[in-house]
PDB file of N, CA and C in Angstrom:
ATOM      1  N   MET A   1     -59.503  23.505  25.611  1.00  0.00           N
ATOM      2  CA  MET A   1     -58.113  23.245  25.893  1.00  0.00           C
ATOM      3  C   MET A   1     -58.046  22.106  26.896  1.00  0.00           C
ATOM      4  N   GLN A   2     -57.137  21.192  26.650  1.00  0.00           N
ATOM      5  CA  GLN A   2     -56.927  20.054  27.534  1.00  0.00           C
ATOM      6  C   GLN A   2     -55.452  20.018  27.879  1.00  0.00           C
ATOM      7  N   SER A   3     -55.137  19.675  29.118  1.00  0.00           N
ATOM      8  CA  SER A   3     -53.731  19.599  29.498  1.00  0.00           C
ATOM      9  C   SER A   3     -53.429  18.230  30.080  1.00  0.00           C
ATOM     10  N   ASP A   4     -52.168  17.859  29.979  1.00  0.00           N
ATOM     11  CA  ASP A   4     -51.690  16.593  30.500  1.00  0.00           C
ATOM     12  C   ASP A   4     -50.270  16.837  30.980  1.00  0.00           C
ATOM     13  N   GLU A   5     -49.973  16.444  32.204  1.00  0.00           N
ATOM     14  CA  GLU A   5     -48.637  16.676  32.741  1.00  0.00           C
ATOM     15  C   GLU A   5     -47.916  15.350  32.915  1.00  0.00           C
ATOM     16  N   SER A   6     -46.692  15.316  32.473  1.00  0.00           N
ATOM     17  CA  SER A   6     -45.846  14.138  32.624  1.00  0.00           C
ATOM     18  C   SER A   6     -44.937  14.362  33.823  1.00  0.00           C
ATOM     19  N   PRO A   7     -45.228  13.723  34.981  1.00  0.00           N
ATOM     20  CA  PRO A   7     -44.453  14.001  36.187  1.00  0.00           C
ATOM     21  C   PRO A   7     -42.996  13.576  36.100  1.00  0.00           C
ATOM     22  N   LYS A   8     -42.678  12.574  35.308  1.00  0.00           N
ATOM     23  CA  LYS A   8     -41.296  12.118  35.212  1.00  0.00           C
ATOM     24  C   LYS A   8     -40.400  13.145  34.548  1.00  0.00           C
ATOM     25  N   ARG A   9     -40.920  13.811  33.540  1.00  0.00           N
ATOM     26  CA  ARG A   9     -40.088  14.750  32.789  1.00  0.00           C
ATOM     27  C   ARG A   9     -40.463  16.197  33.060  1.00  0.00           C
ATOM     28  N   ASN A  10     -41.427  16.430  33.939  1.00  0.00           N
ATOM     29  CA  ASN A  10     -41.888  17.786  34.228  1.00  0.00           C
ATOM     30  C   ASN A  10     -42.323  18.502  32.954  1.00  0.00           C
ATOM     31  N   THR A  11     -43.044  17.773  32.115  1.00  0.00           N
ATOM     32  CA  THR A  11     -43.527  18.300  30.853  1.00  0.00           C
ATOM     33  C   THR A  11     -45.043  18.450  30.909  1.00  0.00           C
ATOM     34  N   VAL A  12     -45.527  19.596  30.430  1.00  0.00           N
ATOM     35  CA  VAL A  12     -46.962  19.826  30.342  1.00  0.00           C
ATOM     36  C   VAL A  12     -47.336  19.876  28.869  1.00  0.00           C
ATOM     37  N   TYR A  13     -48.354  19.106  28.498  1.00  0.00           N
ATOM     38  CA  TYR A  13     -48.872  19.083  27.128  1.00  0.00           C
ATOM     39  C   TYR A  13     -50.205  19.813  27.109  1.00  0.00           C
ATOM     40  N   LEU A  14     -50.347  20.783  26.232  1.00  0.00           N
ATOM     41  CA  LEU A  14     -51.609  21.509  26.078  1.00  0.00           C
ATOM     42  C   LEU A  14     -52.144  21.265  24.677  1.00  0.00           C
ATOM     43  N   PHE A  15     -53.370  20.775  24.620  1.00  0.00           N
ATOM     44  CA  PHE A  15     -54.042  20.497  23.354  1.00  0.00           C
ATOM     45  C   PHE A  15     -55.184  21.485  23.197  1.00  0.00           C
ATOM     46  N   PHE A  16     -55.218  22.183  22.081  1.00  0.00           N
ATOM     47  CA  PHE A  16     -56.250  23.182  21.809  1.00  0.00           C
ATOM     48  C   PHE A  16     -57.207  22.652  20.752  1.00  0.00           C
ATOM     49  N   PHE A  17     -58.498  22.989  20.913  1.00  0.00           N
ATOM     50  CA  PHE A  17     -59.533  22.480  20.020  1.00  0.00           C
ATOM     51  C   PHE A  17     -60.448  23.603  19.548  1.00  0.00           C
ATOM     52  N   GLY A  18     -60.866  23.522  18.293  1.00  0.00           N
ATOM     53  CA  GLY A  18     -61.894  24.421  17.759  1.00  0.00           C
ATOM     54  C   GLY A  18     -61.440  25.858  17.618  1.00  0.00           C
ATOM     55  N   VAL A  19     -62.387  26.755  17.865  1.00  0.00           N
ATOM     56  CA  VAL A  19     -62.136  28.189  17.749  1.00  0.00           C
ATOM     57  C   VAL A  19     -61.699  28.721  19.104  1.00  0.00           C
ATOM     58  N   LEU A  20     -60.543  29.368  19.134  1.00  0.00           N
ATOM     59  CA  LEU A  20     -60.042  30.002  20.353  1.00  0.00           C
ATOM     60  C   LEU A  20     -60.429  31.470  20.276  1.00  0.00           C
ATOM     61  N   ASP A  21     -61.434  31.833  21.057  1.00  0.00           N
ATOM     62  CA  ASP A  21     -61.980  33.176  20.914  1.00  0.00           C
ATOM     63  C   ASP A  21     -61.867  33.986  22.200  1.00  0.00           C
ATOM     64  N   ASP A  22     -62.549  35.130  22.213  1.00  0.00           N
ATOM     65  CA  ASP A  22     -62.478  36.043  23.352  1.00  0.00           C
ATOM     66  C   ASP A  22     -62.887  35.371  24.659  1.00  0.00           C
ATOM     67  N   ASP A  23     -63.833  34.435  24.594  1.00  0.00           N
ATOM     68  CA  ASP A  23     -64.298  33.753  25.803  1.00  0.00           C
ATOM     69  C   ASP A  23     -63.218  32.882  26.430  1.00  0.00           C
ATOM     70  N   ASP A  24     -62.210  32.512  25.671  1.00  0.00           N
ATOM     71  CA  ASP A  24     -61.146  31.643  26.167  1.00  0.00           C
ATOM     72  C   ASP A  24     -60.007  32.397  26.850  1.00  0.00           C
ATOM     73  N   VAL A  25     -59.967  33.705  26.724  1.00  0.00           N
ATOM     74  CA  VAL A  25     -58.830  34.488  27.219  1.00  0.00           C
ATOM     75  C   VAL A  25     -58.633  34.316  28.720  1.00  0.00           C
ATOM     76  N   GLU A  26     -59.694  34.375  29.496  1.00  0.00           N
ATOM     77  CA  GLU A  26     -59.566  34.243  30.951  1.00  0.00           C
ATOM     78  C   GLU A  26     -59.044  32.854  31.327  1.00  0.00           C
ATOM     79  N   THR A  27     -59.556  31.825  30.664  1.00  0.00           N
ATOM     80  CA  THR A  27     -59.086  30.460  30.912  1.00  0.00           C
ATOM     81  C   THR A  27     -57.616  30.328  30.548  1.00  0.00           C
ATOM     82  N   PHE A  28     -57.234  30.899  29.403  1.00  0.00           N
ATOM     83  CA  PHE A  28     -55.823  30.871  28.993  1.00  0.00           C
ATOM     84  C   PHE A  28     -54.948  31.515  30.054  1.00  0.00           C
ATOM     85  N   ASN A  29     -55.340  32.665  30.532  1.00  0.00           N
ATOM     86  CA  ASN A  29     -54.532  33.358  31.539  1.00  0.00           C
ATOM     87  C   ASN A  29     -54.314  32.484  32.770  1.00  0.00           C
ATOM     88  N   ARG A  30     -55.372  31.853  33.250  1.00  0.00           N
ATOM     89  CA  ARG A  30     -55.246  30.985  34.432  1.00  0.00           C
ATOM     90  C   ARG A  30     -54.353  29.786  34.140  1.00  0.00           C
ATOM     91  N   GLN A  31     -54.595  29.113  33.027  1.00  0.00           N
ATOM     92  CA  GLN A  31     -53.829  27.914  32.693  1.00  0.00           C
ATOM     93  C   GLN A  31     -52.363  28.244  32.393  1.00  0.00           C
ATOM     94  N   PHE A  32     -52.134  29.302  31.633  1.00  0.00           N
ATOM     95  CA  PHE A  32     -50.777  29.648  31.252  1.00  0.00           C
ATOM     96  C   PHE A  32     -49.929  30.045  32.454  1.00  0.00           C
ATOM     97  N   LYS A  33     -50.527  30.686  33.447  1.00  0.00           N
ATOM     98  CA  LYS A  33     -49.766  31.063  34.644  1.00  0.00           C
ATOM     99  C   LYS A  33     -49.225  29.836  35.366  1.00  0.00           C
ATOM    100  N   LEU A  34     -49.950  28.730  35.292  1.00  0.00           N
ATOM    101  CA  LEU A  34     -49.479  27.492  35.907  1.00  0.00           C
ATOM    102  C   LEU A  34     -48.203  26.986  35.240  1.00  0.00           C
ATOM    103  N   LEU A  35     -48.020  27.332  33.988  1.00  0.00           N
ATOM    104  CA  LEU A  35     -46.843  26.877  33.241  1.00  0.00           C
ATOM    105  C   LEU A  35     -45.558  27.556  33.714  1.00  0.00           C
ATOM    106  N   LEU A  36     -45.684  28.647  34.436  1.00  0.00           N
ATOM    107  CA  LEU A  36     -44.515  29.387  34.902  1.00  0.00           C
ATOM    108  C   LEU A  36     -43.960  28.832  36.217  1.00  0.00           C
ATOM    109  N   LYS A  37     -44.630  27.817  36.779  1.00  0.00           N
ATOM    110  CA  LYS A  37     -44.159  27.215  38.024  1.00  0.00           C
ATOM    111  C   LYS A  37     -42.768  26.604  37.818  1.00  0.00           C
ATOM    112  N   PRO A  38     -41.947  26.633  38.876  1.00  0.00           N
ATOM    113  CA  PRO A  38     -40.578  26.115  38.748  1.00  0.00           C
ATOM    114  C   PRO A  38     -40.498  24.635  38.356  1.00  0.00           C
ATOM    115  N   ASN A  39     -41.472  23.812  38.769  1.00  0.00           N
ATOM    116  CA  ASN A  39     -41.388  22.382  38.462  1.00  0.00           C
ATOM    117  C   ASN A  39     -41.685  22.064  37.001  1.00  0.00           C
ATOM    118  N   VAL A  40     -42.226  23.006  36.264  1.00  0.00           N
ATOM    119  CA  VAL A  40     -42.497  22.785  34.838  1.00  0.00           C
ATOM    120  C   VAL A  40     -41.244  23.161  34.061  1.00  0.00           C
ATOM    121  N   ARG A  41     -40.688  22.169  33.357  1.00  0.00           N
ATOM    122  CA  ARG A  41     -39.460  22.420  32.601  1.00  0.00           C
ATOM    123  C   ARG A  41     -39.699  22.536  31.106  1.00  0.00           C
ATOM    124  N   GLU A  42     -40.741  21.835  30.637  1.00  0.00           N
ATOM    125  CA  GLU A  42     -41.025  21.824  29.201  1.00  0.00           C
ATOM    126  C   GLU A  42     -42.527  21.952  28.997  1.00  0.00           C
ATOM    127  N   VAL A  43     -42.903  22.710  27.969  1.00  0.00           N
ATOM    128  CA  VAL A  43     -44.306  22.876  27.608  1.00  0.00           C
ATOM    129  C   VAL A  43     -44.451  22.533  26.129  1.00  0.00           C
ATOM    130  N   VAL A  44     -45.449  21.689  25.829  1.00  0.00           N
ATOM    131  CA  VAL A  44     -45.733  21.309  24.450  1.00  0.00           C
ATOM    132  C   VAL A  44     -47.140  21.792  24.118  1.00  0.00           C
ATOM    133  N   PHE A  45     -47.237  22.685  23.138  1.00  0.00           N
ATOM    134  CA  PHE A  45     -48.521  23.186  22.660  1.00  0.00           C
ATOM    135  C   PHE A  45     -48.887  22.421  21.396  1.00  0.00           C
ATOM    136  N   ASN A  46     -50.122  21.923  21.324  1.00  0.00           N
ATOM    137  CA  ASN A  46     -50.580  21.236  20.120  1.00  0.00           C
ATOM    138  C   ASN A  46     -51.806  21.964  19.573  1.00  0.00           C
ATOM    139  N   PHE A  47     -51.668  22.480  18.353  1.00  0.00           N
ATOM    140  CA  PHE A  47     -52.727  23.262  17.712  1.00  0.00           C
ATOM    141  C   PHE A  47     -53.389  22.519  16.558  1.00  0.00           C
ATOM    142  N   SER A  48     -53.208  21.208  16.468  1.00  0.00           N
ATOM    143  CA  SER A  48     -53.685  20.465  15.297  1.00  0.00           C
ATOM    144  C   SER A  48     -55.196  20.498  15.110  1.00  0.00           C
ATOM    145  N   SER A  49     -55.960  20.766  16.166  1.00  0.00           N
ATOM    146  CA  SER A  49     -57.423  20.803  16.046  1.00  0.00           C
ATOM    147  C   SER A  49     -57.998  22.209  16.119  1.00  0.00           C
ATOM    148  N   VAL A  50     -57.155  23.224  15.955  1.00  0.00           N
ATOM    149  CA  VAL A  50     -57.623  24.614  16.010  1.00  0.00           C
ATOM    150  C   VAL A  50     -58.157  25.041  14.647  1.00  0.00           C
ATOM    151  N   THR A  51     -59.368  25.598  14.649  1.00  0.00           N
ATOM    152  CA  THR A  51     -59.996  26.059  13.408  1.00  0.00           C
ATOM    153  C   THR A  51     -60.157  27.573  13.365  1.00  0.00           C
ATOM    154  N   GLY A  52     -59.926  28.248  14.478  1.00  0.00           N
ATOM    155  CA  GLY A  52     -60.030  29.700  14.528  1.00  0.00           C
ATOM    156  C   GLY A  52     -59.249  30.234  15.710  1.00  0.00           C
ATOM    157  N   PHE A  53     -58.754  31.467  15.581  1.00  0.00           N
ATOM    158  CA  PHE A  53     -57.918  32.058  16.621  1.00  0.00           C
ATOM    159  C   PHE A  53     -58.208  33.550  16.680  1.00  0.00           C
ATOM    160  N   ALA A  54     -58.980  33.997  17.665  1.00  0.00           N
ATOM    161  CA  ALA A  54     -59.286  35.422  17.818  1.00  0.00           C
ATOM    162  C   ALA A  54     -58.038  36.158  18.303  1.00  0.00           C
ATOM    163  N   ARG A  55     -57.938  37.399  17.919  1.00  0.00           N
ATOM    164  CA  ARG A  55     -56.755  38.199  18.245  1.00  0.00           C
ATOM    165  C   ARG A  55     -56.459  38.253  19.748  1.00  0.00           C
ATOM    166  N   PRO A  56     -57.450  38.471  20.635  1.00  0.00           N
ATOM    167  CA  PRO A  56     -57.116  38.499  22.069  1.00  0.00           C
ATOM    168  C   PRO A  56     -56.505  37.188  22.568  1.00  0.00           C
ATOM    169  N   ALA A  57     -57.021  36.057  22.107  1.00  0.00           N
ATOM    170  CA  ALA A  57     -56.472  34.763  22.514  1.00  0.00           C
ATOM    171  C   ALA A  57     -55.060  34.589  21.958  1.00  0.00           C
ATOM    172  N   LEU A  58     -54.860  35.031  20.748  1.00  0.00           N
ATOM    173  CA  LEU A  58     -53.537  34.965  20.130  1.00  0.00           C
ATOM    174  C   LEU A  58     -52.540  35.828  20.887  1.00  0.00           C
ATOM    175  N   ASN A  59     -52.968  37.003  21.314  1.00  0.00           N
ATOM    176  CA  ASN A  59     -52.091  37.894  22.083  1.00  0.00           C
ATOM    177  C   ASN A  59     -51.700  37.281  23.422  1.00  0.00           C
ATOM    178  N   VAL A  60     -52.656  36.607  24.092  1.00  0.00           N
ATOM    179  CA  VAL A  60     -52.350  35.954  25.364  1.00  0.00           C
ATOM    180  C   VAL A  60     -51.338  34.837  25.142  1.00  0.00           C
ATOM    181  N   PHE A  61     -51.536  34.053  24.078  1.00  0.00           N
ATOM    182  CA  PHE A  61     -50.574  32.992  23.777  1.00  0.00           C
ATOM    183  C   PHE A  61     -49.190  33.591  23.541  1.00  0.00           C
ATOM    184  N   ASP A  62     -49.126  34.641  22.755  1.00  0.00           N
ATOM    185  CA  ASP A  62     -47.850  35.300  22.435  1.00  0.00           C
ATOM    186  C   ASP A  62     -47.140  35.748  23.714  1.00  0.00           C
ATOM    187  N   GLU A  63     -47.877  36.362  24.617  1.00  0.00           N
ATOM    188  CA  GLU A  63     -47.306  36.857  25.869  1.00  0.00           C
ATOM    189  C   GLU A  63     -46.720  35.708  26.697  1.00  0.00           C
ATOM    190  N   PHE A  64     -47.479  34.638  26.841  1.00  0.00           N
ATOM    191  CA  PHE A  64     -47.003  33.532  27.656  1.00  0.00           C
ATOM    192  C   PHE A  64     -45.919  32.717  26.964  1.00  0.00           C
ATOM    193  N   TYR A  65     -45.983  32.623  25.667  1.00  0.00           N
ATOM    194  CA  TYR A  65     -44.921  31.947  24.912  1.00  0.00           C
ATOM    195  C   TYR A  65     -43.576  32.621  25.215  1.00  0.00           C
ATOM    196  N   HIS A  66     -43.552  33.941  25.128  1.00  0.00           N
ATOM    197  CA  HIS A  66     -42.304  34.670  25.403  1.00  0.00           C
ATOM    198  C   HIS A  66     -41.921  34.600  26.888  1.00  0.00           C
ATOM    199  N   SER A  67     -42.903  34.597  27.771  1.00  0.00           N
ATOM    200  CA  SER A  67     -42.612  34.460  29.203  1.00  0.00           C
ATOM    201  C   SER A  67     -41.953  33.126  29.501  1.00  0.00           C
ATOM    202  N   LEU A  68     -42.462  32.064  28.862  1.00  0.00           N
ATOM    203  CA  LEU A  68     -41.862  30.742  29.053  1.00  0.00           C
ATOM    204  C   LEU A  68     -40.413  30.725  28.591  1.00  0.00           C
ATOM    205  N   LEU A  69     -40.168  31.279  27.419  1.00  0.00           N
ATOM    206  CA  LEU A  69     -38.805  31.325  26.896  1.00  0.00           C
ATOM    207  C   LEU A  69     -37.897  32.144  27.804  1.00  0.00           C
ATOM    208  N   ASN A  70     -38.403  33.276  28.289  1.00  0.00           N
ATOM    209  CA  ASN A  70     -37.608  34.137  29.170  1.00  0.00           C
ATOM    210  C   ASN A  70     -37.278  33.467  30.498  1.00  0.00           C
ATOM    211  N   LYS A  71     -38.128  32.535  30.940  1.00  0.00           N
ATOM    212  CA  LYS A  71     -37.893  31.788  32.182  1.00  0.00           C
ATOM    213  C   LYS A  71     -37.009  30.569  31.953  1.00  0.00           C
ATOM    214  N   GLY A  72     -36.569  30.370  30.699  1.00  0.00           N
ATOM    215  CA  GLY A  72     -35.673  29.263  30.394  1.00  0.00           C
ATOM    216  C   GLY A  72     -36.368  27.922  30.214  1.00  0.00           C
ATOM    217  N   LYS A  73     -37.662  27.939  29.993  1.00  0.00           N
ATOM    218  CA  LYS A  73     -38.411  26.697  29.792  1.00  0.00           C
ATOM    219  C   LYS A  73     -38.261  26.234  28.341  1.00  0.00           C
ATOM    220  N   ALA A  74     -38.262  24.933  28.148  1.00  0.00           N
ATOM    221  CA  ALA A  74     -38.263  24.378  26.797  1.00  0.00           C
ATOM    222  C   ALA A  74     -39.696  24.449  26.284  1.00  0.00           C
ATOM    223  N   VAL A  75     -39.866  24.909  25.048  1.00  0.00           N
ATOM    224  CA  VAL A  75     -41.198  25.042  24.466  1.00  0.00           C
ATOM    225  C   VAL A  75     -41.212  24.364  23.102  1.00  0.00           C
ATOM    226  N   ARG A  76     -42.195  23.496  22.904  1.00  0.00           N
ATOM    227  CA  ARG A  76     -42.399  22.876  21.592  1.00  0.00           C
ATOM    228  C   ARG A  76     -43.813  23.189  21.130  1.00  0.00           C
ATOM    229  N   ILE A  77     -43.936  23.399  19.843  1.00  0.00           N
ATOM    230  CA  ILE A  77     -45.243  23.658  19.252  1.00  0.00           C
ATOM    231  C   ILE A  77     -45.463  22.623  18.161  1.00  0.00           C
ATOM    232  N   GLU A  78     -46.587  21.921  18.264  1.00  0.00           N
ATOM    233  CA  GLU A  78     -46.901  20.857  17.323  1.00  0.00           C
ATOM    234  C   GLU A  78     -48.240  21.126  16.659  1.00  0.00           C
ATOM    235  N   GLY A  79     -48.449  20.485  15.516  1.00  0.00           N
ATOM    236  CA  GLY A  79     -49.747  20.529  14.859  1.00  0.00           C
ATOM    237  C   GLY A  79     -50.122  21.890  14.310  1.00  0.00           C
ATOM    238  N   VAL A  80     -49.162  22.606  13.791  1.00  0.00           N
ATOM    239  CA  VAL A  80     -49.442  23.941  13.253  1.00  0.00           C
ATOM    240  C   VAL A  80     -49.937  23.806  11.813  1.00  0.00           C
ATOM    241  N   ASN A  81     -51.225  24.061  11.626  1.00  0.00           N
ATOM    242  CA  ASN A  81     -51.766  24.041  10.268  1.00  0.00           C
ATOM    243  C   ASN A  81     -51.515  25.396   9.606  1.00  0.00           C
ATOM    244  N   ASP A  82     -51.875  25.533   8.362  1.00  0.00           N
ATOM    245  CA  ASP A  82     -51.629  26.784   7.633  1.00  0.00           C
ATOM    246  C   ASP A  82     -52.303  27.976   8.294  1.00  0.00           C
ATOM    247  N   TYR A  83     -53.522  27.771   8.790  1.00  0.00           N
ATOM    248  CA  TYR A  83     -54.257  28.862   9.434  1.00  0.00           C
ATOM    249  C   TYR A  83     -53.517  29.354  10.677  1.00  0.00           C
ATOM    250  N   VAL A  84     -53.126  28.435  11.549  1.00  0.00           N
ATOM    251  CA  VAL A  84     -52.429  28.810  12.781  1.00  0.00           C
ATOM    252  C   VAL A  84     -51.073  29.448  12.451  1.00  0.00           C
ATOM    253  N   ALA A  85     -50.377  28.900  11.470  1.00  0.00           N
ATOM    254  CA  ALA A  85     -49.094  29.480  11.062  1.00  0.00           C
ATOM    255  C   ALA A  85     -49.269  30.925  10.613  1.00  0.00           C
ATOM    256  N   GLU A  86     -50.321  31.197   9.857  1.00  0.00           N
ATOM    257  CA  GLU A  86     -50.586  32.573   9.406  1.00  0.00           C
ATOM    258  C   GLU A  86     -50.914  33.479  10.583  1.00  0.00           C
ATOM    259  N   CYS A  87     -51.667  32.983  11.565  1.00  0.00           N
ATOM    260  CA  CYS A  87     -51.957  33.773  12.773  1.00  0.00           C
ATOM    261  C   CYS A  87     -50.669  34.131  13.503  1.00  0.00           C
ATOM    262  N   PHE A  88     -49.775  33.164  13.643  1.00  0.00           N
ATOM    263  CA  PHE A  88     -48.501  33.425  14.311  1.00  0.00           C
ATOM    264  C   PHE A  88     -47.679  34.447  13.523  1.00  0.00           C
ATOM    265  N   ARG A  89     -47.655  34.304  12.211  1.00  0.00           N
ATOM    266  CA  ARG A  89     -46.894  35.253  11.379  1.00  0.00           C
ATOM    267  C   ARG A  89     -47.465  36.669  11.507  1.00  0.00           C
ATOM    268  N   SER A  90     -48.787  36.794  11.664  1.00  0.00           N
ATOM    269  CA  SER A  90     -49.405  38.115  11.780  1.00  0.00           C
ATOM    270  C   SER A  90     -48.913  38.859  13.025  1.00  0.00           C
ATOM    271  N   LEU A  91     -48.469  38.111  14.022  1.00  0.00           N
ATOM    272  CA  LEU A  91     -47.909  38.710  15.233  1.00  0.00           C
ATOM    273  C   LEU A  91     -46.404  38.882  15.145  1.00  0.00           C
ATOM    274  N   GLY A  92     -45.828  38.367  14.079  1.00  0.00           N
ATOM    275  CA  GLY A  92     -44.380  38.398  13.957  1.00  0.00           C
ATOM    276  C   GLY A  92     -43.714  37.287  14.736  1.00  0.00           C
ATOM    277  N   LEU A  93     -44.509  36.283  15.118  1.00  0.00           N
ATOM    278  CA  LEU A  93     -43.946  35.151  15.844  1.00  0.00           C
ATOM    279  C   LEU A  93     -43.229  34.225  14.878  1.00  0.00           C
ATOM    280  N   GLU A  94     -41.995  33.991  15.158  1.00  0.00           N
ATOM    281  CA  GLU A  94     -41.232  33.013  14.382  1.00  0.00           C
ATOM    282  C   GLU A  94     -40.966  31.874  15.336  1.00  0.00           C
ATOM    283  N   ILE A  95     -41.578  30.747  15.069  1.00  0.00           N
ATOM    284  CA  ILE A  95     -41.473  29.618  15.979  1.00  0.00           C
ATOM    285  C   ILE A  95     -40.725  28.498  15.282  1.00  0.00           C
ATOM    286  N   PRO A  96     -39.417  28.419  15.477  1.00  0.00           N
ATOM    287  CA  PRO A  96     -38.643  27.419  14.757  1.00  0.00           C
ATOM    288  C   PRO A  96     -38.989  25.982  15.146  1.00  0.00           C
ATOM    289  N   ALA A  97     -39.544  25.774  16.348  1.00  0.00           N
ATOM    290  CA  ALA A  97     -39.860  24.425  16.801  1.00  0.00           C
ATOM    291  C   ALA A  97     -41.213  23.948  16.275  1.00  0.00           C
ATOM    292  N   ALA A  98     -41.924  24.780  15.525  1.00  0.00           N
ATOM    293  CA  ALA A  98     -43.255  24.398  15.057  1.00  0.00           C
ATOM    294  C   ALA A  98     -43.150  23.256  14.058  1.00  0.00           C
ATOM    295  N   LEU A  99     -43.982  22.275  14.272  1.00  0.00           N
ATOM    296  CA  LEU A  99     -44.019  21.123  13.380  1.00  0.00           C
ATOM    297  C   LEU A  99     -45.332  21.150  12.612  1.00  0.00           C
ATOM    298  N   PRO A 100     -45.311  20.941  11.331  1.00  0.00           N
ATOM    299  CA  PRO A 100     -46.551  20.979  10.543  1.00  0.00           C
ATOM    300  C   PRO A 100     -47.478  19.825  10.913  1.00  0.00           C
ATOM    301  N   VAL A 101     -48.743  19.972  10.561  1.00  0.00           N
ATOM    302  CA  VAL A 101     -49.742  18.926  10.819  1.00  0.00           C
ATOM    303  C   VAL A 101     -49.410  17.723   9.986  1.00  0.00           C
TER     304      VAL A 101
END
């Protein structure tokens, strides 16, 4: 996972790569908590390079995705391939802002 913050717009971009597995859960928790800071107004998730998504990592994403929305943050999801879309659907996540690869 790589992040990039745009200080002018208070936007954080997160780029995910490869297989997101159980080993990534702790890193996700630390990184995602930073997204809840008041100065972050928008978060952009990019999944275009994701080839696998383990259930624990998917659950952490789901939890923080909803936390961001509940805090009133703007959330965009980009690069959703068929595999990632199916993972999101398996959780019942309906992400209207998702843009296909």
